[in-house]
Amino acid sequence: MKYHPDKDGSIEIEEWGKLAKAYQILSDDNSRSLYDNYGIIRNSGKASFNSYVGGDLWQPYIGNLEIGLWLFSLMDNNELENLVSIEQAKEHRHTFRVSSIVRYLQVKLSRFPEQDNSSQEDYSQFLKSLHEEARKLYDEPNGKELLFSLGEIYISEAGTYLNKFSTDDYFSILKVVEFFVDLLFGYFELITKNKPNLEEINKLAWKLSLSEISSIAHETCEKVLNDENLSEAESYHLAKSMRLMGEVWLEVSKL
């Protein structure tokens, strides 16, 4: 207590508040566990889950995950107020994230060869390289789960486009509800864990991120296939390529 502002004039009230908060975190087992496992991420201002979900190799397909920002805002009322006050910045991040994924997928899928226009040897070699790439993605944190989930989405979205079947907006509403349910359950699970190991952290990060990843995947696929700047033939080729990649990913996820 000798360092309290009332006792020691050299200590500013604001600094005392920071010290008190730090002591509160470090003296509580649950708070200390969160700090030990996530403190550096939080202090960086990113609260990123990407290192636990996909790593660098998956970043072009899912972008920078936002779920960490929402999760840790629940732990700090000041952070929550800041997040609400910078909604415009959040929308900007989302727009940039979506456009980056869309651009990456369009360039990648446009390079897929047409089976009818390729020799059997060349096409077989291409399929082999596609499988090898999928195996590398498989080896990343939660890679198997990502291959399965995104593989199914790619097949579904490509099929929707190829069959000219419109997606019901009801799906989007359900995904929003599911996102917040997962977020709240994940938050309570996290604060009850005492020093979770890396495997537990990876599993929890995946559970928290699944709804967000599914939502962003559906949104980016729709934009890839319904780009007004592309001809119908180009979009048709992208859809077939997307379906093929989804089928390969789904196959590799079951190994």
Protein backbone atom coordinates (compact mmCIF):
# COMPACT_ATOMS: atom_id res chain seq x y z
CA MET A 1 0.00 0.00 0.00
CA LYS A 2 2.97 2.33 0.37
CA TYR A 3 2.87 2.91 -3.40
CA HIS A 4 -0.80 4.00 -3.39
CA PRO A 5 -1.18 7.57 -4.77
CA ASP A 6 -2.51 8.71 -1.39
CA LYS A 7 0.69 7.43 0.28
CA ASP A 8 3.28 8.08 -2.41
CA GLY A 9 2.92 11.19 -4.54
CA SER A 10 5.39 9.87 -7.11
CA ILE A 11 2.83 7.32 -8.33
CA GLU A 12 0.19 8.69 -10.70
CA ILE A 13 -3.41 7.54 -10.25
CA GLU A 14 -3.47 6.17 -13.81
CA GLU A 15 -0.28 4.20 -13.21
CA TRP A 16 -1.69 2.85 -9.96
CA GLY A 17 -4.77 1.67 -11.85
CA LYS A 18 -2.58 -0.23 -14.31
CA LEU A 19 -0.59 -1.82 -11.48
CA ALA A 20 -3.76 -2.82 -9.66
CA LYS A 21 -5.21 -4.36 -12.81
CA ALA A 22 -1.97 -6.25 -13.49
CA TYR A 23 -1.94 -7.58 -9.92
CA GLN A 24 -5.58 -8.65 -10.27
CA ILE A 25 -4.79 -10.59 -13.46
CA LEU A 26 -1.67 -12.26 -12.12
CA SER A 27 -3.21 -13.21 -8.77
CA ASP A 28 -6.21 -15.01 -10.30
CA ASP A 29 -5.56 -18.46 -11.77
CA ASN A 30 -8.02 -18.11 -14.66
CA SER A 31 -6.91 -14.59 -15.55
CA ARG A 32 -3.27 -15.61 -15.28
CA SER A 33 -3.90 -18.56 -17.61
CA LEU A 34 -5.47 -16.24 -20.19
CA TYR A 35 -2.58 -13.81 -19.87
CA ASP A 36 0.06 -16.55 -20.16
CA ASN A 37 -1.53 -17.99 -23.30
CA TYR A 38 -2.93 -14.88 -24.97
CA GLY A 39 -1.36 -11.85 -23.32
CA ILE A 40 1.14 -11.10 -26.08
CA ILE A 41 -1.54 -11.40 -28.73
CA ARG A 42 -3.87 -9.08 -26.86
CA ASN A 43 -1.18 -6.49 -26.27
CA SER A 44 -0.36 -6.48 -29.98
CA GLY A 45 -3.91 -5.27 -30.62
CA LYS A 46 -4.65 -8.19 -32.93
CA ALA A 47 -5.92 -10.97 -30.64
CA SER A 48 -5.29 -13.22 -33.61
CA PHE A 49 -6.41 -16.85 -33.73
CA ASN A 50 -4.74 -17.49 -37.10
CA SER A 51 -1.72 -19.19 -35.58
CA TYR A 52 -4.08 -21.75 -33.99
CA VAL A 53 -6.36 -22.07 -37.04
CA GLY A 54 -4.57 -22.72 -40.29
CA GLY A 55 -1.38 -20.76 -39.82
CA ASP A 56 0.20 -18.82 -42.68
CA LEU A 57 -0.71 -21.29 -45.44
CA TRP A 58 -4.44 -20.87 -44.81
CA GLN A 59 -4.40 -17.08 -44.50
CA PRO A 60 -5.07 -16.45 -48.24
CA TYR A 61 -8.24 -18.58 -47.98
CA ILE A 62 -9.70 -17.32 -44.68
CA GLY A 63 -8.01 -13.96 -44.10
CA ASN A 64 -7.30 -12.53 -40.65
CA LEU A 65 -9.75 -13.95 -38.12
CA GLU A 66 -11.81 -11.40 -36.19
CA ILE A 67 -13.10 -13.78 -33.53
CA GLY A 68 -10.23 -13.01 -31.16
CA LEU A 69 -11.19 -9.34 -31.06
CA TRP A 70 -14.77 -10.22 -30.12
CA LEU A 71 -13.72 -12.78 -27.54
CA PHE A 72 -11.31 -10.56 -25.65
CA SER A 73 -13.63 -7.57 -25.81
CA LEU A 74 -15.94 -9.61 -23.54
CA MET A 75 -13.16 -9.62 -20.94
CA ASP A 76 -12.60 -5.87 -21.00
CA ASN A 77 -15.43 -3.34 -21.02
CA ASN A 78 -13.10 -0.63 -22.26
CA GLU A 79 -12.10 -2.76 -25.24
CA LEU A 80 -15.77 -3.47 -25.97
CA GLU A 81 -16.54 0.25 -26.00
CA ASN A 82 -13.61 0.85 -28.33
CA LEU A 83 -14.77 -1.87 -30.72
CA VAL A 84 -18.25 -0.40 -30.87
CA SER A 85 -16.89 3.08 -31.49
CA ILE A 86 -14.75 1.95 -34.44
CA GLU A 87 -17.39 0.02 -36.35
CA GLN A 88 -16.29 1.78 -39.52
CA ALA A 89 -12.76 0.42 -39.12
CA LYS A 90 -14.20 -3.07 -38.60
CA GLU A 91 -16.17 -2.77 -41.84
CA HIS A 92 -13.05 -1.59 -43.63
CA ARG A 93 -11.11 -4.63 -42.37
CA HIS A 94 -13.92 -6.90 -43.51
CA THR A 95 -14.06 -5.33 -46.98
CA PHE A 96 -10.29 -5.62 -47.40
CA ARG A 97 -10.32 -9.20 -46.13
CA VAL A 98 -13.08 -10.28 -48.52
CA SER A 99 -11.56 -8.54 -51.54
CA SER A 100 -8.14 -10.11 -50.83
CA ILE A 101 -9.59 -13.63 -50.61
CA VAL A 102 -11.75 -13.11 -53.71
CA ARG A 103 -8.80 -11.85 -55.73
CA TYR A 104 -6.61 -14.76 -54.59
CA LEU A 105 -9.24 -17.38 -55.44
CA GLN A 106 -10.05 -15.87 -58.83
CA VAL A 107 -6.40 -15.84 -59.87
CA LYS A 108 -5.78 -19.35 -58.52
CA LEU A 109 -8.90 -20.97 -59.99
CA SER A 110 -8.53 -19.26 -63.35
CA ARG A 111 -5.25 -21.12 -63.83
CA PHE A 112 -6.82 -24.54 -63.46
CA PRO A 113 -6.59 -26.37 -66.81
CA GLU A 114 -9.64 -27.64 -68.66
CA GLN A 115 -9.62 -31.42 -68.69
CA ASP A 116 -10.94 -31.53 -72.25
CA ASN A 117 -8.16 -29.23 -73.45
CA SER A 118 -5.28 -31.00 -71.68
CA SER A 119 -3.46 -34.23 -72.29
CA GLN A 120 -4.14 -37.04 -69.84
CA GLU A 121 -0.57 -36.83 -68.57
CA ASP A 122 -0.68 -33.07 -68.02
CA TYR A 123 -4.03 -33.20 -66.26
CA SER A 124 -2.92 -36.09 -64.04
CA GLN A 125 0.17 -34.10 -63.09
CA PHE A 126 -2.02 -31.11 -62.23
CA LEU A 127 -4.26 -33.25 -60.00
CA LYS A 128 -1.19 -34.64 -58.28
CA SER A 129 0.08 -31.13 -57.49
CA LEU A 130 -3.39 -30.17 -56.22
CA HIS A 131 -3.34 -33.15 -53.83
CA GLU A 132 0.19 -32.30 -52.67
CA GLU A 133 -0.87 -28.75 -51.92
CA ALA A 134 -3.87 -30.05 -49.97
CA ARG A 135 -1.59 -32.32 -47.92
CA LYS A 136 0.49 -29.30 -46.91
CA LEU A 137 -2.67 -27.49 -45.83
CA TYR A 138 -3.68 -30.65 -43.93
CA ASP A 139 -0.53 -30.44 -41.80
CA GLU A 140 -1.31 -26.93 -40.54
CA PRO A 141 -3.12 -26.33 -37.20
CA ASN A 142 -6.70 -27.54 -37.67
CA GLY A 143 -5.84 -28.16 -41.32
CA LYS A 144 -7.89 -31.34 -41.55
CA GLU A 145 -10.99 -29.56 -40.25
CA LEU A 146 -10.45 -26.62 -42.60
CA LEU A 147 -10.06 -28.89 -45.63
CA PHE A 148 -13.32 -30.64 -44.78
CA SER A 149 -15.34 -27.51 -44.00
CA LEU A 150 -14.12 -25.35 -46.87
CA GLY A 151 -14.13 -28.32 -49.24
CA GLU A 152 -17.84 -28.81 -48.59
CA ILE A 153 -18.53 -25.10 -48.98
CA TYR A 154 -16.62 -24.88 -52.28
CA ILE A 155 -18.53 -27.87 -53.67
CA SER A 156 -21.84 -26.43 -52.48
CA GLU A 157 -21.26 -22.90 -53.78
CA ALA A 158 -19.92 -24.14 -57.12
CA GLY A 159 -22.91 -26.46 -57.46
CA THR A 160 -25.25 -23.61 -56.61
CA TYR A 161 -23.77 -21.50 -59.39
CA LEU A 162 -23.64 -24.31 -61.93
CA ASN A 163 -27.24 -25.25 -61.17
CA LYS A 164 -28.35 -21.61 -61.04
CA PHE A 165 -29.85 -22.25 -57.62
CA SER A 166 -30.23 -19.20 -55.36
CA THR A 167 -29.07 -19.32 -51.75
CA ASP A 168 -31.69 -18.59 -49.12
CA ASP A 169 -30.98 -15.57 -46.90
CA TYR A 170 -32.27 -17.64 -43.97
CA PHE A 171 -28.92 -19.45 -43.98
CA SER A 172 -27.09 -16.18 -43.34
CA ILE A 173 -29.37 -15.34 -40.41
CA LEU A 174 -28.76 -18.74 -38.84
CA LYS A 175 -25.01 -18.31 -39.25
CA VAL A 176 -25.08 -14.98 -37.39
CA VAL A 177 -26.97 -16.57 -34.50
CA GLU A 178 -24.63 -19.57 -34.51
CA PHE A 179 -21.61 -17.24 -34.47
CA PHE A 180 -22.66 -15.50 -31.25
CA VAL A 181 -23.74 -18.75 -29.57
CA ASP A 182 -20.33 -20.26 -30.32
CA LEU A 183 -18.67 -17.08 -29.11
CA LEU A 184 -20.41 -17.06 -25.73
CA PHE A 185 -19.94 -20.78 -25.10
CA GLY A 186 -16.29 -20.51 -26.13
CA TYR A 187 -15.76 -17.58 -23.79
CA PHE A 188 -17.16 -19.43 -20.77
CA GLU A 189 -15.19 -22.54 -21.67
CA LEU A 190 -12.00 -20.53 -21.93
CA ILE A 191 -12.33 -18.75 -18.59
CA THR A 192 -12.96 -22.04 -16.78
CA LYS A 193 -9.81 -23.63 -18.19
CA ASN A 194 -6.73 -23.59 -16.01
CA LYS A 195 -3.58 -23.39 -18.12
CA PRO A 196 -4.93 -25.15 -21.24
CA ASN A 197 -2.33 -26.99 -23.33
CA LEU A 198 -1.68 -26.27 -27.00
CA GLU A 199 -3.99 -29.04 -28.21
CA GLU A 200 -6.85 -27.69 -26.10
CA ILE A 201 -6.18 -24.16 -27.33
CA ASN A 202 -6.19 -25.32 -30.96
CA LYS A 203 -9.49 -27.17 -30.48
CA LEU A 204 -11.10 -24.23 -28.76
CA ALA A 205 -9.82 -21.77 -31.37
CA TRP A 206 -11.32 -23.98 -34.08
CA LYS A 207 -14.70 -24.17 -32.33
CA LEU A 208 -14.76 -20.40 -31.96
CA SER A 209 -13.62 -19.71 -35.51
CA LEU A 210 -15.77 -22.21 -37.42
CA SER A 211 -18.84 -19.99 -37.86
CA GLU A 212 -16.74 -17.00 -38.88
CA ILE A 213 -14.75 -19.04 -41.40
CA SER A 214 -17.90 -20.61 -42.84
CA SER A 215 -19.53 -17.22 -43.23
CA ILE A 216 -16.51 -15.61 -44.91
CA ALA A 217 -16.08 -18.63 -47.21
CA HIS A 218 -19.69 -18.46 -48.43
CA GLU A 219 -19.44 -14.70 -48.96
CA THR A 220 -16.16 -14.85 -50.88
CA CYS A 221 -17.29 -17.77 -53.05
CA GLU A 222 -20.42 -15.90 -54.09
CA LYS A 223 -18.36 -12.85 -55.03
CA VAL A 224 -15.84 -14.96 -56.95
CA LEU A 225 -18.56 -16.59 -59.05
CA ASN A 226 -20.82 -13.57 -59.51
CA ASP A 227 -18.25 -10.97 -60.53
CA GLU A 228 -19.87 -8.66 -63.10
CA ASN A 229 -16.46 -7.96 -64.62
CA LEU A 230 -16.15 -11.59 -65.76
CA SER A 231 -17.83 -13.23 -68.72
CA GLU A 232 -20.23 -16.11 -68.18
CA ALA A 233 -17.64 -18.49 -69.63
CA GLU A 234 -14.98 -17.25 -67.19
CA SER A 235 -17.32 -17.59 -64.20
CA TYR A 236 -18.34 -21.06 -65.37
CA HIS A 237 -14.68 -22.10 -65.48
CA LEU A 238 -14.11 -20.69 -61.98
CA ALA A 239 -17.11 -22.66 -60.69
CA LYS A 240 -15.84 -25.93 -62.15
CA SER A 241 -12.36 -25.25 -60.76
CA MET A 242 -13.80 -24.41 -57.34
CA ARG A 243 -15.79 -27.64 -57.30
CA LEU A 244 -12.70 -29.64 -58.26
CA MET A 245 -10.59 -28.05 -55.52
CA GLY A 246 -13.37 -28.69 -53.01
CA GLU A 247 -13.55 -32.35 -54.03
CA VAL A 248 -9.77 -32.75 -53.64
CA TRP A 249 -9.80 -31.02 -50.25
CA LEU A 250 -12.67 -33.18 -49.06
CA GLU A 251 -10.85 -36.32 -50.21
CA VAL A 252 -7.60 -35.35 -48.48
CA SER A 253 -9.43 -34.40 -45.26
CA LYS A 254 -10.60 -38.00 -44.90
CA LEU A 255 -7.12 -39.52 -45.08
